[in-house]
């Protein structure tokens, strides 16, 4: 009997949510699904690899759902990022038991320390952010600063990690504090990468230098 990777992911997610931990061994999990251990390894090298795919799926599902909204095409970069985050939170609310187990409540998960389970999700998130930054430069939402632009993606990656950590620790009704944190974090990030007082000061300085040249 063969088993599709998607069915394996669904069975694993269900197991973790019901039992509060990953299966003890790949053999035991595969046997419970009526397949051989070797059949499992045709799709995933380990449970950690399966975890990585689940988190990547959360990100993909959130982006797909958000981008299918009729208003999406009219959004600027900031609104698209907000829509992605709010949709991601809805996906995570439906999988919170798993998210808590996968990320944990300990200090081991914190910005700048990426759990292995998030590596693929974060890689795909960085591609999404790169596209948002490209769009933002075209609309003026994102300032062109050749010396600093390489750091823009790191700002948004730390923001993602902050939001996930906030969600893991949030105990407010319907996770309202996380929603508020998303709004404030996204506003701050676009204040940092958008045109601001510092840009105006540089422009004014260049103007004065040119005028007296």
N, C-alpha and C. Protein backbone atom coordinates (compact mmCIF):
# COMPACT_ATOMS: atom_id res chain seq x y z
N UNK A 1 0.83 -1.20 0.00
CA UNK A 1 0.00 0.00 0.00
C UNK A 1 0.87 1.25 0.00
N UNK A 2 0.61 2.17 -0.89
CA UNK A 2 1.33 3.44 -0.91
C UNK A 2 0.49 4.50 -0.22
N UNK A 3 1.14 5.58 0.21
CA UNK A 3 0.44 6.65 0.90
C UNK A 3 1.02 7.97 0.44
N UNK A 4 0.16 8.88 -0.01
CA UNK A 4 0.62 10.18 -0.49
C UNK A 4 1.21 10.99 0.65
N UNK A 5 2.15 11.89 0.30
CA UNK A 5 2.78 12.74 1.30
C UNK A 5 1.74 13.58 2.03
N UNK A 6 0.74 14.07 1.30
CA UNK A 6 -0.29 14.91 1.93
C UNK A 6 -1.07 14.12 2.98
N UNK A 7 -1.33 12.84 2.71
CA UNK A 7 -2.05 12.00 3.68
C UNK A 7 -1.17 11.71 4.90
N UNK A 8 0.13 11.54 4.67
CA UNK A 8 1.05 11.34 5.78
C UNK A 8 1.09 12.57 6.68
N UNK A 9 1.12 13.74 6.06
CA UNK A 9 1.14 14.99 6.84
C UNK A 9 -0.12 15.12 7.67
N UNK A 10 -1.26 14.82 7.07
CA UNK A 10 -2.54 14.92 7.79
C UNK A 10 -2.58 13.94 8.96
N UNK A 11 -2.11 12.72 8.74
CA UNK A 11 -2.11 11.71 9.80
C UNK A 11 -1.15 12.10 10.93
N UNK A 12 -0.01 12.63 10.57
CA UNK A 12 0.97 13.05 11.58
C UNK A 12 0.44 14.23 12.40
N UNK A 13 -0.15 15.21 11.72
CA UNK A 13 -0.71 16.37 12.41
C UNK A 13 -1.81 15.93 13.38
N UNK A 14 -2.65 15.02 12.94
CA UNK A 14 -3.72 14.52 13.80
C UNK A 14 -3.14 13.79 15.02
N UNK A 15 -2.10 13.01 14.80
CA UNK A 15 -1.48 12.27 15.91
C UNK A 15 -0.91 13.24 16.95
N UNK A 16 -0.16 14.23 16.49
CA UNK A 16 0.47 15.17 17.43
C UNK A 16 -0.58 15.93 18.22
N UNK A 17 -1.65 16.35 17.57
CA UNK A 17 -2.69 17.10 18.27
C UNK A 17 -3.42 16.23 19.29
N UNK A 18 -3.61 14.97 18.98
CA UNK A 18 -4.34 14.08 19.89
C UNK A 18 -3.49 13.60 21.06
N UNK A 19 -2.18 13.39 20.82
CA UNK A 19 -1.34 12.78 21.84
C UNK A 19 -0.43 13.77 22.55
N UNK A 20 -0.26 14.97 21.99
CA UNK A 20 0.58 15.97 22.64
C UNK A 20 2.06 15.78 22.43
N UNK A 21 2.43 14.91 21.52
CA UNK A 21 3.84 14.68 21.20
C UNK A 21 3.92 13.97 19.86
N UNK A 22 5.11 14.00 19.26
CA UNK A 22 5.31 13.28 18.01
C UNK A 22 5.32 11.78 18.27
N UNK A 23 5.05 10.96 17.26
CA UNK A 23 5.14 9.51 17.44
C UNK A 23 6.54 9.13 17.93
N UNK A 24 6.61 8.05 18.67
CA UNK A 24 7.88 7.63 19.26
C UNK A 24 8.91 7.24 18.20
N UNK A 25 8.44 6.53 17.18
CA UNK A 25 9.34 6.10 16.11
C UNK A 25 8.63 6.18 14.78
N UNK A 26 9.42 6.28 13.73
CA UNK A 26 8.85 6.27 12.38
C UNK A 26 8.18 4.93 12.12
N UNK A 27 8.80 3.85 12.60
CA UNK A 27 8.21 2.52 12.38
C UNK A 27 6.81 2.43 12.97
N UNK A 28 6.65 2.88 14.23
CA UNK A 28 5.35 2.79 14.89
C UNK A 28 4.31 3.62 14.16
N UNK A 29 4.70 4.81 13.73
CA UNK A 29 3.76 5.68 13.02
C UNK A 29 3.38 5.07 11.67
N UNK A 30 4.38 4.61 10.92
CA UNK A 30 4.11 4.03 9.61
C UNK A 30 3.22 2.79 9.74
N UNK A 31 3.52 1.95 10.74
CA UNK A 31 2.75 0.73 10.94
C UNK A 31 1.28 1.06 11.24
N UNK A 32 1.05 2.13 12.01
CA UNK A 32 -0.32 2.53 12.33
C UNK A 32 -1.07 3.01 11.09
N UNK A 33 -0.32 3.46 10.08
CA UNK A 33 -0.96 3.91 8.84
C UNK A 33 -1.09 2.77 7.83
N UNK A 34 -0.59 1.60 8.20
CA UNK A 34 -0.69 0.46 7.30
C UNK A 34 0.34 0.46 6.19
N UNK A 35 1.47 1.15 6.42
CA UNK A 35 2.53 1.19 5.41
C UNK A 35 3.85 0.77 6.08
N UNK A 36 4.85 0.53 5.27
CA UNK A 36 6.16 0.15 5.79
C UNK A 36 6.94 1.41 6.18
N UNK A 37 7.97 1.21 6.99
CA UNK A 37 8.84 2.32 7.36
C UNK A 37 9.49 2.92 6.12
N UNK A 38 9.89 2.04 5.19
CA UNK A 38 10.50 2.51 3.96
C UNK A 38 9.58 3.39 3.14
N UNK A 39 8.28 3.09 3.18
CA UNK A 39 7.31 3.90 2.45
C UNK A 39 7.27 5.33 3.01
N UNK A 40 7.38 5.45 4.32
CA UNK A 40 7.42 6.79 4.93
C UNK A 40 8.62 7.57 4.41
N UNK A 41 9.77 6.91 4.37
CA UNK A 41 11.00 7.60 3.98
C UNK A 41 11.01 8.01 2.51
N UNK A 42 10.13 7.47 1.73
CA UNK A 42 10.04 7.92 0.33
C UNK A 42 9.53 9.35 0.25
N UNK A 43 8.82 9.78 1.29
CA UNK A 43 8.28 11.14 1.31
C UNK A 43 9.05 12.07 2.23
N UNK A 44 9.47 11.56 3.39
CA UNK A 44 10.13 12.39 4.39
C UNK A 44 11.29 11.65 5.03
N UNK A 45 12.40 12.37 5.25
CA UNK A 45 13.58 11.74 5.84
C UNK A 45 13.45 11.58 7.35
N UNK A 46 12.55 12.36 7.97
CA UNK A 46 12.39 12.32 9.42
C UNK A 46 11.11 13.06 9.79
N UNK A 47 10.76 13.01 11.08
CA UNK A 47 9.62 13.80 11.55
C UNK A 47 9.93 15.30 11.47
N UNK A 48 11.18 15.67 11.68
CA UNK A 48 11.55 17.09 11.58
C UNK A 48 11.34 17.58 10.16
N UNK A 49 11.69 16.77 9.18
CA UNK A 49 11.46 17.15 7.78
C UNK A 49 9.97 17.28 7.51
N UNK A 50 9.17 16.42 8.11
CA UNK A 50 7.71 16.51 7.96
C UNK A 50 7.19 17.78 8.62
N UNK A 51 7.73 18.11 9.80
CA UNK A 51 7.37 19.36 10.47
C UNK A 51 7.66 20.56 9.58
N UNK A 52 8.81 20.55 8.94
CA UNK A 52 9.18 21.67 8.07
C UNK A 52 8.16 21.85 6.96
N UNK A 53 7.70 20.73 6.41
CA UNK A 53 6.71 20.80 5.33
C UNK A 53 5.37 21.31 5.85
N UNK A 54 4.99 20.90 7.04
CA UNK A 54 3.72 21.38 7.61
C UNK A 54 3.74 22.89 7.79
N UNK A 55 4.85 23.43 8.33
CA UNK A 55 4.94 24.87 8.52
C UNK A 55 4.98 25.60 7.17
N UNK A 56 5.67 25.03 6.20
CA UNK A 56 5.67 25.63 4.86
C UNK A 56 4.25 25.65 4.30
N UNK A 57 3.49 24.58 4.57
CA UNK A 57 2.10 24.53 4.12
C UNK A 57 1.26 25.63 4.79
N UNK A 58 1.50 25.89 6.07
CA UNK A 58 0.76 26.96 6.75
C UNK A 58 0.99 28.29 6.03
N UNK A 59 2.25 28.56 5.71
CA UNK A 59 2.55 29.79 5.01
C UNK A 59 1.94 29.85 3.62
N UNK A 60 2.03 28.73 2.89
CA UNK A 60 1.45 28.69 1.54
C UNK A 60 -0.05 28.86 1.58
N UNK A 61 -0.70 28.18 2.53
CA UNK A 61 -2.16 28.28 2.65
C UNK A 61 -2.57 29.72 2.95
N UNK A 62 -1.83 30.37 3.87
CA UNK A 62 -2.17 31.74 4.24
C UNK A 62 -2.02 32.68 3.04
N UNK A 63 -0.95 32.53 2.30
CA UNK A 63 -0.73 33.41 1.14
C UNK A 63 -1.76 33.14 0.05
N UNK A 64 -2.08 31.88 -0.18
CA UNK A 64 -3.08 31.54 -1.19
C UNK A 64 -4.44 32.11 -0.82
N UNK A 65 -4.85 31.92 0.43
CA UNK A 65 -6.15 32.43 0.86
C UNK A 65 -6.20 33.95 0.80
N UNK A 66 -5.15 34.61 1.28
CA UNK A 66 -5.13 36.08 1.29
C UNK A 66 -5.15 36.64 -0.13
N UNK A 67 -4.37 36.04 -1.03
CA UNK A 67 -4.25 36.57 -2.39
C UNK A 67 -5.48 36.29 -3.23
N UNK A 68 -6.36 35.39 -2.77
CA UNK A 68 -7.59 35.12 -3.51
C UNK A 68 -8.72 36.08 -3.15
N UNK A 69 -8.51 36.91 -2.12
CA UNK A 69 -9.51 37.91 -1.78
C UNK A 69 -9.60 38.95 -2.89
N UNK A 70 -10.83 39.38 -3.25
CA UNK A 70 -11.00 40.33 -4.36
C UNK A 70 -10.21 41.62 -4.18
N UNK A 71 -10.02 42.06 -2.93
CA UNK A 71 -9.35 43.34 -2.69
C UNK A 71 -7.83 43.25 -2.83
N UNK A 72 -7.29 42.04 -2.89
CA UNK A 72 -5.84 41.84 -2.86
C UNK A 72 -5.12 42.65 -3.94
N UNK A 73 -5.63 42.61 -5.16
CA UNK A 73 -4.95 43.27 -6.27
C UNK A 73 -4.84 44.77 -6.09
N UNK A 74 -5.73 45.34 -5.29
CA UNK A 74 -5.67 46.77 -5.05
C UNK A 74 -4.84 47.16 -3.84
N UNK A 75 -4.32 46.18 -3.13
CA UNK A 75 -3.54 46.45 -1.93
C UNK A 75 -2.13 46.93 -2.28
N UNK A 76 -1.59 47.78 -1.43
CA UNK A 76 -0.19 48.10 -1.48
C UNK A 76 0.60 47.05 -0.72
N UNK A 77 1.91 47.21 -0.65
CA UNK A 77 2.76 46.23 0.02
C UNK A 77 2.39 46.07 1.49
N UNK A 78 2.15 47.17 2.18
CA UNK A 78 1.82 47.10 3.60
C UNK A 78 0.52 46.33 3.82
N UNK A 79 -0.50 46.62 3.02
CA UNK A 79 -1.79 45.94 3.18
C UNK A 79 -1.68 44.46 2.86
N UNK A 80 -0.85 44.11 1.86
CA UNK A 80 -0.66 42.70 1.52
C UNK A 80 0.01 41.95 2.66
N UNK A 81 0.99 42.58 3.30
CA UNK A 81 1.66 41.91 4.41
C UNK A 81 0.69 41.74 5.58
N UNK A 82 -0.10 42.75 5.87
CA UNK A 82 -1.10 42.64 6.93
C UNK A 82 -2.09 41.52 6.64
N UNK A 83 -2.58 41.47 5.40
CA UNK A 83 -3.54 40.44 5.02
C UNK A 83 -2.93 39.05 5.17
N UNK A 84 -1.66 38.92 4.79
CA UNK A 84 -0.98 37.62 4.94
C UNK A 84 -0.91 37.23 6.41
N UNK A 85 -0.48 38.16 7.25
CA UNK A 85 -0.32 37.84 8.67
C UNK A 85 -1.65 37.48 9.32
N UNK A 86 -2.69 38.26 9.04
CA UNK A 86 -3.98 37.98 9.66
C UNK A 86 -4.52 36.62 9.20
N UNK A 87 -4.30 36.29 7.93
CA UNK A 87 -4.73 34.99 7.44
C UNK A 87 -3.89 33.87 8.05
N UNK A 88 -2.59 34.11 8.18
CA UNK A 88 -1.71 33.13 8.81
C UNK A 88 -2.16 32.85 10.24
N UNK A 89 -2.53 33.89 10.96
CA UNK A 89 -2.99 33.70 12.33
C UNK A 89 -4.25 32.84 12.39
N UNK A 90 -5.14 33.00 11.43
CA UNK A 90 -6.34 32.15 11.38
C UNK A 90 -5.95 30.70 11.13
N UNK A 91 -4.99 30.48 10.24
CA UNK A 91 -4.50 29.12 9.99
C UNK A 91 -3.89 28.54 11.26
N UNK A 92 -3.10 29.35 11.96
CA UNK A 92 -2.44 28.87 13.17
C UNK A 92 -3.42 28.65 14.31
N UNK A 93 -4.47 29.46 14.39
CA UNK A 93 -5.48 29.24 15.43
C UNK A 93 -6.12 27.87 15.27
N UNK A 94 -6.31 27.44 14.04
CA UNK A 94 -6.90 26.13 13.78
C UNK A 94 -5.91 24.99 14.03
N UNK A 95 -4.65 25.37 14.25
CA UNK A 95 -3.61 24.36 14.50
C UNK A 95 -2.76 24.75 15.71
N UNK A 96 -3.38 25.47 16.66
CA UNK A 96 -2.60 26.02 17.77
C UNK A 96 -1.96 24.93 18.63
N UNK A 97 -2.67 23.85 18.89
CA UNK A 97 -2.10 22.78 19.70
C UNK A 97 -0.80 22.29 19.09
N UNK A 98 -0.81 22.11 17.79
CA UNK A 98 0.41 21.66 17.10
C UNK A 98 1.48 22.76 17.15
N UNK A 99 1.08 24.01 16.89
CA UNK A 99 2.05 25.11 16.87
C UNK A 99 2.76 25.24 18.21
N UNK A 100 2.00 25.12 19.30
CA UNK A 100 2.61 25.21 20.62
C UNK A 100 3.61 24.09 20.86
N UNK A 101 3.26 22.90 20.42
CA UNK A 101 4.16 21.76 20.60
C UNK A 101 5.39 21.89 19.72
N UNK A 102 5.19 22.38 18.50
CA UNK A 102 6.30 22.47 17.56
C UNK A 102 7.29 23.58 17.95
N UNK A 103 6.77 24.69 18.41
CA UNK A 103 7.63 25.82 18.76
C UNK A 103 7.98 25.86 20.24
N UNK A 104 7.06 25.37 21.07
CA UNK A 104 7.29 25.36 22.50
C UNK A 104 7.13 26.74 23.12
N UNK A 105 7.05 26.74 24.44
CA UNK A 105 6.92 28.00 25.19
C UNK A 105 8.24 28.43 25.80
N UNK A 106 9.29 27.72 25.52
CA UNK A 106 10.56 28.00 26.19
C UNK A 106 11.29 29.15 25.51
N UNK A 107 12.34 29.60 26.15
CA UNK A 107 13.16 30.69 25.62
C UNK A 107 14.01 30.23 24.45
N UNK A 108 13.99 28.96 24.15
CA UNK A 108 14.77 28.49 23.01
C UNK A 108 14.26 29.07 21.71
N UNK A 109 12.95 29.38 21.66
CA UNK A 109 12.41 30.02 20.47
C UNK A 109 12.35 31.52 20.73
N UNK A 110 13.17 32.24 20.01
CA UNK A 110 13.18 33.69 20.13
C UNK A 110 13.71 34.26 18.83
N UNK A 111 13.42 35.54 18.53
CA UNK A 111 13.95 36.13 17.31
C UNK A 111 15.46 35.95 17.22
N UNK A 112 15.92 35.67 16.01
CA UNK A 112 17.33 35.42 15.70
C UNK A 112 17.75 33.98 15.98
N UNK A 113 16.88 33.18 16.59
CA UNK A 113 17.16 31.75 16.77
C UNK A 113 16.01 30.98 16.13
N UNK A 114 16.24 30.49 14.92
CA UNK A 114 15.18 29.88 14.14
C UNK A 114 15.08 28.38 14.41
N UNK A 115 13.95 27.90 14.93
CA UNK A 115 13.78 26.44 15.06
C UNK A 115 13.86 25.77 13.70
N UNK A 116 14.38 24.55 13.67
CA UNK A 116 14.52 23.85 12.40
C UNK A 116 13.19 23.72 11.66
N UNK A 117 12.09 23.59 12.43
CA UNK A 117 10.80 23.38 11.79
C UNK A 117 10.36 24.59 10.97
N UNK A 118 10.95 25.75 11.20
CA UNK A 118 10.53 26.97 10.48
C UNK A 118 11.40 27.28 9.27
N UNK A 119 12.46 26.53 9.05
CA UNK A 119 13.44 26.91 8.04
C UNK A 119 12.84 27.04 6.64
N UNK A 120 12.02 26.08 6.22
CA UNK A 120 11.45 26.14 4.88
C UNK A 120 10.38 27.23 4.79
N UNK A 121 9.58 27.35 5.82
CA UNK A 121 8.57 28.41 5.89
C UNK A 121 9.23 29.77 5.76
N UNK A 122 10.32 30.00 6.50
CA UNK A 122 10.99 31.29 6.45
C UNK A 122 11.64 31.54 5.10
N UNK A 123 12.15 30.50 4.47
CA UNK A 123 12.75 30.66 3.14
C UNK A 123 11.70 31.14 2.14
N UNK A 124 10.50 30.55 2.20
CA UNK A 124 9.45 30.96 1.27
C UNK A 124 8.89 32.33 1.65
N UNK A 125 8.87 32.65 2.95
CA UNK A 125 8.44 33.96 3.40
C UNK A 125 9.37 35.04 2.86
N UNK A 126 10.68 34.78 2.83
CA UNK A 126 11.63 35.76 2.32
C UNK A 126 11.39 36.03 0.84
N UNK A 127 10.99 35.02 0.08
CA UNK A 127 10.66 35.25 -1.33
C UNK A 127 9.45 36.16 -1.46
N UNK A 128 8.45 35.92 -0.61
CA UNK A 128 7.25 36.76 -0.60
C UNK A 128 7.60 38.20 -0.25
N UNK A 129 8.45 38.39 0.75
CA UNK A 129 8.86 39.73 1.16
C UNK A 129 9.65 40.41 0.05
N UNK A 130 10.50 39.67 -0.63
CA UNK A 130 11.28 40.26 -1.73
C UNK A 130 10.35 40.83 -2.79
N UNK A 131 9.27 40.12 -3.08
CA UNK A 131 8.30 40.61 -4.07
C UNK A 131 7.58 41.84 -3.53
N UNK A 132 7.22 41.83 -2.25
CA UNK A 132 6.58 43.02 -1.66
C UNK A 132 7.49 44.23 -1.71
N UNK A 133 8.77 44.02 -1.42
CA UNK A 133 9.72 45.13 -1.45
C UNK A 133 9.87 45.67 -2.87
N UNK A 134 9.89 44.76 -3.84
CA UNK A 134 9.98 45.21 -5.24
C UNK A 134 8.77 46.06 -5.60
N UNK A 135 7.58 45.58 -5.22
CA UNK A 135 6.36 46.35 -5.49
C UNK A 135 6.39 47.68 -4.75
N UNK A 136 6.85 47.63 -3.50
CA UNK A 136 6.89 48.84 -2.69
C UNK A 136 7.82 49.90 -3.24
N UNK A 137 8.93 49.48 -3.81
CA UNK A 137 9.82 50.46 -4.43
C UNK A 137 9.16 51.11 -5.64
N UNK A 138 8.35 50.32 -6.34
CA UNK A 138 7.66 50.87 -7.51
C UNK A 138 6.59 51.88 -7.15
N UNK A 139 5.96 51.69 -6.00
CA UNK A 139 4.88 52.60 -5.59
C UNK A 139 5.36 53.71 -4.66
N UNK A 140 6.62 53.62 -4.20
CA UNK A 140 7.14 54.62 -3.29
C UNK A 140 6.94 54.28 -1.83
N UNK A 141 6.32 53.14 -1.54
CA UNK A 141 6.15 52.73 -0.14
C UNK A 141 7.48 52.36 0.50
N UNK A 142 8.40 51.91 -0.32
CA UNK A 142 9.71 51.48 0.15
C UNK A 142 10.76 52.39 -0.45
N UNK A 143 11.59 52.97 0.40
CA UNK A 143 12.63 53.88 -0.06
C UNK A 143 13.78 53.10 -0.67
N UNK A 144 14.36 53.64 -1.73
CA UNK A 144 15.54 53.04 -2.34
C UNK A 144 16.77 53.57 -1.62
N UNK A 145 17.39 52.70 -0.86
CA UNK A 145 18.61 53.06 -0.13
C UNK A 145 19.65 51.98 -0.44
N UNK A 146 20.43 52.16 -1.51
CA UNK A 146 21.36 51.10 -1.95
C UNK A 146 22.25 50.55 -0.86
N UNK A 147 22.65 51.36 0.10
CA UNK A 147 23.57 50.90 1.14
C UNK A 147 22.86 50.08 2.22
N UNK A 148 21.54 50.19 2.28
CA UNK A 148 20.79 49.57 3.37
C UNK A 148 19.81 48.49 2.94
N UNK A 149 19.50 48.42 1.65
CA UNK A 149 18.41 47.55 1.20
C UNK A 149 18.66 46.07 1.48
N UNK A 150 19.91 45.68 1.55
CA UNK A 150 20.19 44.26 1.84
C UNK A 150 19.68 43.87 3.22
N UNK A 151 19.51 44.84 4.10
CA UNK A 151 19.03 44.54 5.44
C UNK A 151 17.53 44.55 5.58
N UNK A 152 16.82 44.97 4.54
CA UNK A 152 15.36 45.06 4.63
C UNK A 152 14.73 43.70 4.93
N UNK A 153 15.19 42.65 4.23
CA UNK A 153 14.59 41.34 4.43
C UNK A 153 14.80 40.84 5.86
N UNK A 154 15.94 41.18 6.45
CA UNK A 154 16.19 40.76 7.84
C UNK A 154 15.20 41.41 8.79
N UNK A 155 14.81 42.65 8.48
CA UNK A 155 13.81 43.34 9.31
C UNK A 155 12.51 42.54 9.32
N UNK A 156 12.08 42.12 8.14
CA UNK A 156 10.80 41.41 8.04
C UNK A 156 10.88 39.99 8.57
N UNK A 157 12.05 39.37 8.45
CA UNK A 157 12.20 38.03 9.01
C UNK A 157 12.15 38.07 10.53
N UNK A 158 12.80 39.05 11.13
CA UNK A 158 12.72 39.20 12.59
C UNK A 158 11.28 39.52 13.01
N UNK A 159 10.60 40.28 12.19
CA UNK A 159 9.19 40.60 12.47
C UNK A 159 8.34 39.34 12.48
N UNK A 160 8.52 38.46 11.51
CA UNK A 160 7.79 37.20 11.46
C UNK A 160 8.06 36.39 12.72
N UNK A 161 9.32 36.28 13.11
CA UNK A 161 9.67 35.51 14.29
C UNK A 161 9.05 36.12 15.55
N UNK A 162 9.06 37.45 15.62
CA UNK A 162 8.44 38.14 16.76
C UNK A 162 6.95 37.82 16.84
N UNK A 163 6.26 37.86 15.70
CA UNK A 163 4.81 37.61 15.69
C UNK A 163 4.50 36.17 16.08
N UNK A 164 5.27 35.23 15.58
CA UNK A 164 5.05 33.83 15.95
C UNK A 164 5.29 33.62 17.44
N UNK A 165 6.34 34.22 17.96
CA UNK A 165 6.62 34.10 19.39
C UNK A 165 5.51 34.74 20.21
N UNK A 166 5.01 35.88 19.77
CA UNK A 166 3.93 36.56 20.47
C UNK A 166 2.68 35.68 20.49
N UNK A 167 2.39 35.06 19.35
CA UNK A 167 1.22 34.19 19.25
C UNK A 167 1.35 32.99 20.19
N UNK A 168 2.52 32.41 20.24
CA UNK A 168 2.75 31.24 21.10
C UNK A 168 2.49 31.59 22.56
N UNK A 169 2.84 32.81 22.96
CA UNK A 169 2.73 33.21 24.37
C UNK A 169 1.43 33.94 24.69
N UNK A 170 0.65 34.28 23.68
CA UNK A 170 -0.55 35.09 23.89
C UNK A 170 -1.65 34.27 24.55
N UNK A 171 -2.24 34.80 25.60
CA UNK A 171 -3.36 34.14 26.28
C UNK A 171 -4.59 35.04 26.32
N UNK A 172 -4.63 36.08 25.48
CA UNK A 172 -5.79 36.97 25.44
C UNK A 172 -6.93 36.30 24.66
N UNK A 173 -8.18 36.71 24.91
CA UNK A 173 -9.33 36.12 24.20
C UNK A 173 -9.18 36.26 22.68
N UNK A 174 -9.34 35.16 21.99
CA UNK A 174 -9.22 35.12 20.52
C UNK A 174 -7.89 35.70 20.04
N UNK A 175 -6.90 35.73 20.93
CA UNK A 175 -5.56 36.20 20.60
C UNK A 175 -5.58 37.62 20.05
N UNK A 176 -6.40 38.46 20.69
CA UNK A 176 -6.55 39.85 20.25
C UNK A 176 -5.25 40.62 20.37
N UNK A 177 -4.43 40.31 21.37
CA UNK A 177 -3.18 41.03 21.54
C UNK A 177 -2.22 40.73 20.39
N UNK A 178 -2.28 39.52 19.85
CA UNK A 178 -1.44 39.20 18.70
C UNK A 178 -1.88 40.00 17.49
N UNK A 179 -3.18 40.14 17.28
CA UNK A 179 -3.68 40.96 16.18
C UNK A 179 -3.14 42.39 16.29
N UNK A 180 -3.19 42.94 17.52
CA UNK A 180 -2.69 44.30 17.75
C UNK A 180 -1.19 44.37 17.50
N UNK A 181 -0.47 43.33 17.92
CA UNK A 181 0.98 43.29 17.72
C UNK A 181 1.33 43.28 16.24
N UNK A 182 0.54 42.56 15.44
CA UNK A 182 0.77 42.52 14.00
C UNK A 182 0.66 43.91 13.41
N UNK A 183 -0.40 44.62 13.76
CA UNK A 183 -0.62 45.97 13.23
C UNK A 183 0.55 46.89 13.57
N UNK A 184 0.98 46.85 14.83
CA UNK A 184 2.07 47.73 15.26
C UNK A 184 3.40 47.32 14.62
N UNK A 185 3.65 46.02 14.51
CA UNK A 185 4.92 45.55 13.94
C UNK A 185 5.02 45.90 12.45
N UNK A 186 3.92 45.73 11.72
CA UNK A 186 3.93 46.04 10.29
C UNK A 186 4.07 47.55 10.07
N UNK A 187 3.38 48.34 10.88
CA UNK A 187 3.51 49.79 10.77
C UNK A 187 4.95 50.21 11.01
N UNK A 188 5.58 49.66 12.04
CA UNK A 188 6.97 50.00 12.34
C UNK A 188 7.88 49.61 11.19
N UNK A 189 7.70 48.42 10.65
CA UNK A 189 8.60 47.96 9.59
C UNK A 189 8.52 48.85 8.36
N UNK A 190 7.32 49.27 8.00
CA UNK A 190 7.20 50.13 6.82
C UNK A 190 7.61 51.56 7.12
N UNK A 191 7.55 51.96 8.39
CA UNK A 191 8.15 53.25 8.76
C UNK A 191 9.66 53.20 8.57
N UNK A 192 10.25 52.05 8.86
CA UNK A 192 11.70 51.91 8.74
C UNK A 192 12.17 51.85 7.29
N UNK A 193 11.42 51.13 6.45
CA UNK A 193 11.87 50.97 5.06
C UNK A 193 11.28 52.02 4.13
N UNK A 194 10.31 52.79 4.61
CA UNK A 194 9.73 53.84 3.79
C UNK A 194 10.50 55.14 3.92
N UNK A 195 10.10 56.13 3.14
CA UNK A 195 10.73 57.44 3.26
C UNK A 195 10.36 58.06 4.60
N UNK A 196 11.35 58.65 5.26
CA UNK A 196 11.11 59.24 6.57
C UNK A 196 11.91 60.52 6.73
N UNK A 197 11.96 61.03 7.95
CA UNK A 197 12.64 62.29 8.22
C UNK A 197 14.10 62.26 7.81
N UNK A 198 14.76 61.10 8.03
CA UNK A 198 16.17 60.99 7.68
C UNK A 198 16.36 61.15 6.18
N UNK A 199 15.48 60.55 5.39
CA UNK A 199 15.58 60.71 3.93
C UNK A 199 15.40 62.17 3.54
N UNK A 200 14.44 62.84 4.17
CA UNK A 200 14.20 64.25 3.87
C UNK A 200 15.43 65.09 4.21
N UNK A 201 16.09 64.76 5.33
CA UNK A 201 17.29 65.49 5.72
C UNK A 201 18.41 65.28 4.69
N UNK A 202 18.59 64.05 4.23
CA UNK A 202 19.60 63.77 3.22
C UNK A 202 19.29 64.52 1.92
N UNK A 203 18.02 64.51 1.53
CA UNK A 203 17.62 65.22 0.31
C UNK A 203 17.92 66.70 0.43
N UNK A 204 17.62 67.26 1.61
CA UNK A 204 17.86 68.69 1.82
C UNK A 204 19.36 68.98 1.78
N UNK A 205 20.14 68.08 2.38
CA UNK A 205 21.59 68.27 2.36
C UNK A 205 22.14 68.21 0.94
N UNK A 206 21.66 67.28 0.14
CA UNK A 206 22.11 67.20 -1.25
C UNK A 206 21.71 68.45 -2.03
N UNK A 207 20.51 68.94 -1.73
CA UNK A 207 20.04 70.16 -2.38
C UNK A 207 20.96 71.33 -2.08
N UNK A 208 21.34 71.47 -0.80
CA UNK A 208 22.21 72.57 -0.42
C UNK A 208 23.59 72.45 -1.04
N UNK A 209 24.12 71.22 -1.07
CA UNK A 209 25.42 71.00 -1.69
C UNK A 209 25.40 71.33 -3.18
N UNK A 210 24.30 70.93 -3.83
CA UNK A 210 24.19 71.20 -5.26
C UNK A 210 24.04 72.69 -5.52
N UNK A 211 23.29 73.36 -4.66
CA UNK A 211 23.03 74.78 -4.84
C UNK A 211 24.33 75.59 -4.73
N UNK A 212 25.23 75.15 -3.84
CA UNK A 212 26.44 75.94 -3.62
C UNK A 212 27.64 75.39 -4.39
N UNK A 213 27.36 74.36 -5.21
CA UNK A 213 28.49 73.78 -5.97
C UNK A 213 28.93 74.71 -7.09
